[in-house]
């Protein structure tokens, strides 16, 4: 099975092996299911939100927001569950 990952300031490695560096202070869609899903498959959305490091010298992944089964779970830098 393939995996995706986020590391560094921030580097994004996709399921298909491509590497990207999203440097903006934006929210990026990391995973999103297609609009028409087979029966029994729930929509899934995973977003990553970048933030400027307090030193001002770099951008880092500040938060990951996962929406599934009607719930939204936010994970923030420092492992704080919101």
PDB file of N, CA and C in Angstrom:
ATOM      1  N   UNK A   1       0.836  -1.185   0.000  1.00  0.00           N
ATOM      2  CA  UNK A   1       0.000   0.000   0.000  1.00  0.00           C
ATOM      3  C   UNK A   1       0.881   1.250   0.000  1.00  0.00           C
ATOM      4  N   UNK A   2       0.426   2.248  -0.690  1.00  0.00           N
ATOM      5  CA  UNK A   2       1.173   3.499  -0.798  1.00  0.00           C
ATOM      6  C   UNK A   2       0.859   4.406   0.385  1.00  0.00           C
ATOM      7  N   UNK A   3       1.789   5.285   0.696  1.00  0.00           N
ATOM      8  CA  UNK A   3       1.617   6.229   1.791  1.00  0.00           C
ATOM      9  C   UNK A   3       1.932   7.631   1.305  1.00  0.00           C
ATOM     10  N   UNK A   4       1.371   8.605   1.986  1.00  0.00           N
ATOM     11  CA  UNK A   4       1.755   9.990   1.747  1.00  0.00           C
ATOM     12  C   UNK A   4       2.375  10.502   3.042  1.00  0.00           C
ATOM     13  N   UNK A   5       3.178  11.556   2.931  1.00  0.00           N
ATOM     14  CA  UNK A   5       3.804  12.094   4.137  1.00  0.00           C
ATOM     15  C   UNK A   5       4.091  13.580   3.978  1.00  0.00           C
ATOM     16  N   UNK A   6       4.271  14.227   5.137  1.00  0.00           N
ATOM     17  CA  UNK A   6       4.613  15.643   5.191  1.00  0.00           C
ATOM     18  C   UNK A   6       5.780  15.765   6.159  1.00  0.00           C
ATOM     19  N   UNK A   7       6.827  16.457   5.732  1.00  0.00           N
ATOM     20  CA  UNK A   7       8.001  16.593   6.601  1.00  0.00           C
ATOM     21  C   UNK A   7       8.719  17.888   6.266  1.00  0.00           C
ATOM     22  N   UNK A   8       9.557  18.331   7.180  1.00  0.00           N
ATOM     23  CA  UNK A   8      10.375  19.523   6.922  1.00  0.00           C
ATOM     24  C   UNK A   8       9.566  20.798   6.935  1.00  0.00           C
ATOM     25  N   UNK A   9       9.890  21.676   5.985  1.00  0.00           N
ATOM     26  CA  UNK A   9       9.347  23.049   6.030  1.00  0.00           C
ATOM     27  C   UNK A   9       8.425  23.388   4.870  1.00  0.00           C
ATOM     28  N   UNK A  10       7.384  22.913   4.578  1.00  0.00           N
ATOM     29  CA  UNK A  10       6.974  21.520   4.569  1.00  0.00           C
ATOM     30  C   UNK A  10       7.145  20.924   3.180  1.00  0.00           C
ATOM     31  N   UNK A  11       7.553  19.703   3.165  1.00  0.00           N
ATOM     32  CA  UNK A  11       7.648  18.907   1.940  1.00  0.00           C
ATOM     33  C   UNK A  11       6.490  17.916   1.962  1.00  0.00           C
ATOM     34  N   UNK A  12       5.792  17.804   0.859  1.00  0.00           N
ATOM     35  CA  UNK A  12       4.652  16.901   0.755  1.00  0.00           C
ATOM     36  C   UNK A  12       5.001  15.804  -0.238  1.00  0.00           C
ATOM     37  N   UNK A  13       4.897  14.556   0.176  1.00  0.00           N
ATOM     38  CA  UNK A  13       5.126  13.407  -0.689  1.00  0.00           C
ATOM     39  C   UNK A  13       3.776  12.746  -0.915  1.00  0.00           C
ATOM     40  N   UNK A  14       3.347  12.658  -2.181  1.00  0.00           N
ATOM     41  CA  UNK A  14       2.015  12.155  -2.505  1.00  0.00           C
ATOM     42  C   UNK A  14       1.983  10.634  -2.577  1.00  0.00           C
ATOM     43  N   UNK A  15       0.764  10.085  -2.630  1.00  0.00           N
ATOM     44  CA  UNK A  15       0.586   8.637  -2.729  1.00  0.00           C
ATOM     45  C   UNK A  15       1.284   8.059  -3.954  1.00  0.00           C
ATOM     46  N   UNK A  16       1.355   8.848  -5.031  1.00  0.00           N
ATOM     47  CA  UNK A  16       1.975   8.356  -6.266  1.00  0.00           C
ATOM     48  C   UNK A  16       3.457   8.714  -6.370  1.00  0.00           C
ATOM     49  N   UNK A  17       4.056   9.174  -5.267  1.00  0.00           N
ATOM     50  CA  UNK A  17       5.498   9.370  -5.223  1.00  0.00           C
ATOM     51  C   UNK A  17       6.006  10.739  -5.633  1.00  0.00           C
ATOM     52  N   UNK A  18       5.127  11.675  -5.965  1.00  0.00           N
ATOM     53  CA  UNK A  18       5.571  13.017  -6.328  1.00  0.00           C
ATOM     54  C   UNK A  18       5.842  13.840  -5.068  1.00  0.00           C
ATOM     55  N   UNK A  19       6.784  14.761  -5.174  1.00  0.00           N
ATOM     56  CA  UNK A  19       7.157  15.595  -4.043  1.00  0.00           C
ATOM     57  C   UNK A  19       6.853  17.058  -4.365  1.00  0.00           C
ATOM     58  N   UNK A  20       6.259  17.761  -3.398  1.00  0.00           N
ATOM     59  CA  UNK A  20       5.914  19.169  -3.573  1.00  0.00           C
ATOM     60  C   UNK A  20       6.356  19.941  -2.343  1.00  0.00           C
ATOM     61  N   UNK A  21       6.602  21.237  -2.527  1.00  0.00           N
ATOM     62  CA  UNK A  21       6.888  22.143  -1.409  1.00  0.00           C
ATOM     63  C   UNK A  21       5.872  23.276  -1.473  1.00  0.00           C
ATOM     64  N   UNK A  22       4.869  23.225  -0.626  1.00  0.00           N
ATOM     65  CA  UNK A  22       3.861  24.273  -0.564  1.00  0.00           C
ATOM     66  C   UNK A  22       4.293  25.271   0.498  1.00  0.00           C
ATOM     67  N   UNK A  23       4.729  26.445   0.076  1.00  0.00           N
ATOM     68  CA  UNK A  23       5.332  27.414   0.984  1.00  0.00           C
ATOM     69  C   UNK A  23       4.394  28.531   1.419  1.00  0.00           C
ATOM     70  N   UNK A  24       3.177  28.551   0.908  1.00  0.00           N
ATOM     71  CA  UNK A  24       2.259  29.626   1.276  1.00  0.00           C
ATOM     72  C   UNK A  24       1.574  29.392   2.606  1.00  0.00           C
ATOM     73  N   UNK A  25       1.100  30.486   3.204  1.00  0.00           N
ATOM     74  CA  UNK A  25       0.303  30.392   4.435  1.00  0.00           C
ATOM     75  C   UNK A  25      -1.127  30.099   4.039  1.00  0.00           C
ATOM     76  N   UNK A  26      -1.374  28.913   3.598  1.00  0.00           N
ATOM     77  CA  UNK A  26      -2.673  28.554   3.058  1.00  0.00           C
ATOM     78  C   UNK A  26      -3.124  27.226   3.623  1.00  0.00           C
ATOM     79  N   UNK A  27      -4.340  26.846   3.242  1.00  0.00           N
ATOM     80  CA  UNK A  27      -4.856  25.516   3.532  1.00  0.00           C
ATOM     81  C   UNK A  27      -4.812  24.726   2.237  1.00  0.00           C
ATOM     82  N   UNK A  28      -4.237  23.540   2.285  1.00  0.00           N
ATOM     83  CA  UNK A  28      -4.088  22.692   1.111  1.00  0.00           C
ATOM     84  C   UNK A  28      -4.879  21.406   1.304  1.00  0.00           C
ATOM     85  N   UNK A  29      -5.537  20.948   0.243  1.00  0.00           N
ATOM     86  CA  UNK A  29      -6.244  19.672   0.287  1.00  0.00           C
ATOM     87  C   UNK A  29      -5.215  18.573   0.093  1.00  0.00           C
ATOM     88  N   UNK A  30      -5.097  17.712   1.093  1.00  0.00           N
ATOM     89  CA  UNK A  30      -4.133  16.616   1.047  1.00  0.00           C
ATOM     90  C   UNK A  30      -4.780  15.336   0.532  1.00  0.00           C
ATOM     91  N   UNK A  31      -5.998  15.071   0.973  1.00  0.00           N
ATOM     92  CA  UNK A  31      -6.749  13.894   0.532  1.00  0.00           C
ATOM     93  C   UNK A  31      -8.203  14.308   0.377  1.00  0.00           C
ATOM     94  N   UNK A  32      -8.820  13.906  -0.731  1.00  0.00           N
ATOM     95  CA  UNK A  32     -10.248  14.172  -0.936  1.00  0.00           C
ATOM     96  C   UNK A  32     -10.805  13.056  -1.797  1.00  0.00           C
ATOM     97  N   UNK A  33     -11.901  12.462  -1.342  1.00  0.00           N
ATOM     98  CA  UNK A  33     -12.539  11.427  -2.148  1.00  0.00           C
ATOM     99  C   UNK A  33     -13.231  12.068  -3.343  1.00  0.00           C
ATOM    100  N   UNK A  34     -13.496  11.259  -4.343  1.00  0.00           N
ATOM    101  CA  UNK A  34     -14.207  11.738  -5.524  1.00  0.00           C
ATOM    102  C   UNK A  34     -15.644  12.058  -5.142  1.00  0.00           C
ATOM    103  N   UNK A  35     -16.342  12.802  -6.010  1.00  0.00           N
ATOM    104  CA  UNK A  35     -17.701  13.238  -5.697  1.00  0.00           C
ATOM    105  C   UNK A  35     -18.708  12.089  -5.657  1.00  0.00           C
ATOM    106  N   UNK A  36     -18.569  11.112  -6.548  1.00  0.00           N
ATOM    107  CA  UNK A  36     -19.499   9.981  -6.600  1.00  0.00           C
ATOM    108  C   UNK A  36     -18.785   8.762  -6.025  1.00  0.00           C
ATOM    109  N   UNK A  37     -19.309   8.267  -4.900  1.00  0.00           N
ATOM    110  CA  UNK A  37     -18.668   7.155  -4.194  1.00  0.00           C
ATOM    111  C   UNK A  37     -19.549   5.913  -4.228  1.00  0.00           C
ATOM    112  N   UNK A  38     -18.940   4.735  -4.227  1.00  0.00           N
ATOM    113  CA  UNK A  38     -19.722   3.501  -4.148  1.00  0.00           C
ATOM    114  C   UNK A  38     -20.455   3.420  -2.806  1.00  0.00           C
ATOM    115  N   UNK A  39     -21.511   2.639  -2.760  1.00  0.00           N
ATOM    116  CA  UNK A  39     -22.239   2.432  -1.507  1.00  0.00           C
ATOM    117  C   UNK A  39     -21.292   1.953  -0.419  1.00  0.00           C
ATOM    118  N   UNK A  40     -21.447   2.501   0.774  1.00  0.00           N
ATOM    119  CA  UNK A  40     -20.643   2.083   1.912  1.00  0.00           C
ATOM    120  C   UNK A  40     -19.326   2.815   2.065  1.00  0.00           C
ATOM    121  N   UNK A  41     -18.977   3.656   1.101  1.00  0.00           N
ATOM    122  CA  UNK A  41     -17.728   4.427   1.193  1.00  0.00           C
ATOM    123  C   UNK A  41     -18.078   5.853   1.612  1.00  0.00           C
ATOM    124  N   UNK A  42     -17.512   6.281   2.710  1.00  0.00           N
ATOM    125  CA  UNK A  42     -17.792   7.617   3.245  1.00  0.00           C
ATOM    126  C   UNK A  42     -16.870   8.663   2.619  1.00  0.00           C
ATOM    127  N   UNK A  43     -17.386   9.882   2.399  1.00  0.00           N
ATOM    128  CA  UNK A  43     -16.515  10.965   1.935  1.00  0.00           C
ATOM    129  C   UNK A  43     -15.424  11.249   2.972  1.00  0.00           C
ATOM    130  N   UNK A  44     -14.248  11.573   2.483  1.00  0.00           N
ATOM    131  CA  UNK A  44     -13.102  11.868   3.342  1.00  0.00           C
ATOM    132  C   UNK A  44     -12.404  13.108   2.815  1.00  0.00           C
ATOM    133  N   UNK A  45     -12.076  14.007   3.723  1.00  0.00           N
ATOM    134  CA  UNK A  45     -11.327  15.207   3.373  1.00  0.00           C
ATOM    135  C   UNK A  45     -10.244  15.408   4.427  1.00  0.00           C
ATOM    136  N   UNK A  46      -8.995  15.554   3.977  1.00  0.00           N
ATOM    137  CA  UNK A  46      -7.880  15.851   4.876  1.00  0.00           C
ATOM    138  C   UNK A  46      -7.199  17.108   4.341  1.00  0.00           C
ATOM    139  N   UNK A  47      -7.116  18.128   5.184  1.00  0.00           N
ATOM    140  CA  UNK A  47      -6.510  19.398   4.799  1.00  0.00           C
ATOM    141  C   UNK A  47      -5.313  19.698   5.692  1.00  0.00           C
ATOM    142  N   UNK A  48      -4.312  20.341   5.113  1.00  0.00           N
ATOM    143  CA  UNK A  48      -3.150  20.786   5.869  1.00  0.00           C
ATOM    144  C   UNK A  48      -3.082  22.299   5.846  1.00  0.00           C
ATOM    145  N   UNK A  49      -2.843  22.901   7.001  1.00  0.00           N
ATOM    146  CA  UNK A  49      -2.767  24.361   7.095  1.00  0.00           C
ATOM    147  C   UNK A  49      -1.360  24.769   7.499  1.00  0.00           C
ATOM    148  N   UNK A  50      -0.754  25.575   6.656  1.00  0.00           N
ATOM    149  CA  UNK A  50       0.598  26.067   6.915  1.00  0.00           C
ATOM    150  C   UNK A  50       0.565  27.357   7.719  1.00  0.00           C
ATOM    151  N   UNK A  51       1.649  27.609   8.421  1.00  0.00           N
ATOM    152  CA  UNK A  51       1.786  28.817   9.229  1.00  0.00           C
ATOM    153  C   UNK A  51       3.246  29.263   9.174  1.00  0.00           C
ATOM    154  N   UNK A  52       3.467  30.560   9.351  1.00  0.00           N
ATOM    155  CA  UNK A  52       4.835  31.079   9.398  1.00  0.00           C
ATOM    156  C   UNK A  52       5.434  30.754  10.763  1.00  0.00           C
ATOM    157  N   UNK A  53       6.658  30.246  10.756  1.00  0.00           N
ATOM    158  CA  UNK A  53       7.373  29.954  12.006  1.00  0.00           C
ATOM    159  C   UNK A  53       7.567  31.257  12.771  1.00  0.00           C
ATOM    160  N   UNK A  54       7.504  31.240  14.110  1.00  0.00           N
ATOM    161  CA  UNK A  54       7.672  32.477  14.891  1.00  0.00           C
ATOM    162  C   UNK A  54       8.942  33.263  14.555  1.00  0.00           C
ATOM    163  N   UNK A  55       9.985  32.586  14.112  1.00  0.00           N
ATOM    164  CA  UNK A  55      11.219  33.289  13.732  1.00  0.00           C
ATOM    165  C   UNK A  55      11.058  34.043  12.422  1.00  0.00           C
ATOM    166  N   UNK A  56       9.990  33.710  11.667  1.00  0.00           N
ATOM    167  CA  UNK A  56       9.750  34.361  10.385  1.00  0.00           C
ATOM    168  C   UNK A  56      10.587  33.821   9.253  1.00  0.00           C
ATOM    169  N   UNK A  57      11.398  32.816   9.521  1.00  0.00           N
ATOM    170  CA  UNK A  57      12.331  32.326   8.509  1.00  0.00           C
ATOM    171  C   UNK A  57      11.792  31.165   7.680  1.00  0.00           C
ATOM    172  N   UNK A  58      10.677  30.571   8.091  1.00  0.00           N
ATOM    173  CA  UNK A  58      10.180  29.422   7.329  1.00  0.00           C
ATOM    174  C   UNK A  58       8.689  29.226   7.557  1.00  0.00           C
ATOM    175  N   UNK A  59       8.135  28.358   6.734  1.00  0.00           N
ATOM    176  CA  UNK A  59       6.731  27.958   6.827  1.00  0.00           C
ATOM    177  C   UNK A  59       6.710  26.534   7.359  1.00  0.00           C
ATOM    178  N   UNK A  60       5.707  26.201   8.169  1.00  0.00           N
ATOM    179  CA  UNK A  60       5.604  24.821   8.641  1.00  0.00           C
ATOM    180  C   UNK A  60       4.144  24.394   8.676  1.00  0.00           C
ATOM    181  N   UNK A  61       3.923  23.101   8.653  1.00  0.00           N
ATOM    182  CA  UNK A  61       2.576  22.556   8.763  1.00  0.00           C
ATOM    183  C   UNK A  61       2.113  22.746  10.198  1.00  0.00           C
ATOM    184  N   UNK A  62       1.094  23.553  10.375  1.00  0.00           N
ATOM    185  CA  UNK A  62       0.607  23.890  11.714  1.00  0.00           C
ATOM    186  C   UNK A  62      -0.552  23.000  12.150  1.00  0.00           C
ATOM    187  N   UNK A  63      -1.377  22.590  11.187  1.00  0.00           N
ATOM    188  CA  UNK A  63      -2.598  21.885  11.557  1.00  0.00           C
ATOM    189  C   UNK A  63      -3.024  20.943  10.438  1.00  0.00           C
ATOM    190  N   UNK A  64      -3.541  19.792  10.826  1.00  0.00           N
ATOM    191  CA  UNK A  64      -4.166  18.856   9.892  1.00  0.00           C
ATOM    192  C   UNK A  64      -5.611  18.703  10.339  1.00  0.00           C
ATOM    193  N   UNK A  65      -6.538  18.896   9.404  1.00  0.00           N
ATOM    194  CA  UNK A  65      -7.966  18.788   9.698  1.00  0.00           C
ATOM    195  C   UNK A  65      -8.527  17.636   8.878  1.00  0.00           C
ATOM    196  N   UNK A  66      -9.124  16.661   9.571  1.00  0.00           N
ATOM    197  CA  UNK A  66      -9.716  15.496   8.917  1.00  0.00           C
ATOM    198  C   UNK A  66     -11.225  15.546   9.116  1.00  0.00           C
ATOM    199  N   UNK A  67     -11.972  15.438   8.013  1.00  0.00           N
ATOM    200  CA  UNK A  67     -13.428  15.410   8.066  1.00  0.00           C
ATOM    201  C   UNK A  67     -13.901  14.088   7.489  1.00  0.00           C
ATOM    202  N   UNK A  68     -14.611  13.294   8.321  1.00  0.00           N
ATOM    203  CA  UNK A  68     -15.121  11.989   7.893  1.00  0.00           C
ATOM    204  C   UNK A  68     -16.279  11.598   8.813  1.00  0.00           C
ATOM    205  N   UNK A  69     -17.251  10.883   8.276  1.00  0.00           N
ATOM    206  CA  UNK A  69     -18.432  10.450   9.040  1.00  0.00           C
ATOM    207  C   UNK A  69     -19.137  11.623   9.720  1.00  0.00           C
ATOM    208  N   UNK A  70     -19.058  12.802   9.113  1.00  0.00           N
ATOM    209  CA  UNK A  70     -19.713  13.968   9.677  1.00  0.00           C
ATOM    210  C   UNK A  70     -18.969  14.625  10.833  1.00  0.00           C
ATOM    211  N   UNK A  71     -17.783  14.144  11.131  1.00  0.00           N
ATOM    212  CA  UNK A  71     -16.970  14.708  12.213  1.00  0.00           C
ATOM    213  C   UNK A  71     -15.756  15.424  11.637  1.00  0.00           C
ATOM    214  N   UNK A  72     -15.347  16.469  12.344  1.00  0.00           N
ATOM    215  CA  UNK A  72     -14.126  17.188  11.977  1.00  0.00           C
ATOM    216  C   UNK A  72     -13.158  17.072  13.146  1.00  0.00           C
ATOM    217  N   UNK A  73     -11.959  16.552  12.886  1.00  0.00           N
ATOM    218  CA  UNK A  73     -10.935  16.400  13.912  1.00  0.00           C
ATOM    219  C   UNK A  73      -9.734  17.242  13.498  1.00  0.00           C
ATOM    220  N   UNK A  74      -9.270  18.095  14.415  1.00  0.00           N
ATOM    221  CA  UNK A  74      -8.148  18.984  14.131  1.00  0.00           C
ATOM    222  C   UNK A  74      -6.945  18.574  14.975  1.00  0.00           C
ATOM    223  N   UNK A  75      -5.816  18.406  14.311  1.00  0.00           N
ATOM    224  CA  UNK A  75      -4.552  18.124  14.987  1.00  0.00           C
ATOM    225  C   UNK A  75      -3.640  19.316  14.755  1.00  0.00           C
ATOM    226  N   UNK A  76      -3.171  19.932  15.837  1.00  0.00           N
ATOM    227  CA  UNK A  76      -2.309  21.099  15.716  1.00  0.00           C
ATOM    228  C   UNK A  76      -0.887  20.752  16.103  1.00  0.00           C
ATOM    229  N   UNK A  77       0.048  21.563  15.620  1.00  0.00           N
ATOM    230  CA  UNK A  77       1.458  21.389  15.973  1.00  0.00           C
ATOM    231  C   UNK A  77       1.587  21.334  17.487  1.00  0.00           C
ATOM    232  N   UNK A  78       2.460  20.481  17.962  1.00  0.00           N
ATOM    233  CA  UNK A  78       2.612  20.289  19.398  1.00  0.00           C
ATOM    234  C   UNK A  78       1.707  19.188  19.923  1.00  0.00           C
ATOM    235  N   UNK A  79       1.065  18.458  19.012  1.00  0.00           N
ATOM    236  CA  UNK A  79       0.220  17.310  19.341  1.00  0.00           C
ATOM    237  C   UNK A  79      -0.970  17.666  20.211  1.00  0.00           C
ATOM    238  N   UNK A  80      -1.511  18.849  20.042  1.00  0.00           N
ATOM    239  CA  UNK A  80      -2.682  19.274  20.791  1.00  0.00           C
ATOM    240  C   UNK A  80      -3.931  18.911  20.000  1.00  0.00           C
ATOM    241  N   UNK A  81      -4.818  18.121  20.583  1.00  0.00           N
ATOM    242  CA  UNK A  81      -6.068  17.736  19.933  1.00  0.00           C
ATOM    243  C   UNK A  81      -7.115  18.780  20.263  1.00  0.00           C
ATOM    244  N   UNK A  82      -7.748  19.338  19.224  1.00  0.00           N
ATOM    245  CA  UNK A  82      -8.738  20.401  19.420  1.00  0.00           C
ATOM    246  C   UNK A  82     -10.125  19.825  19.203  1.00  0.00           C
TER     247      UNK A  82
END
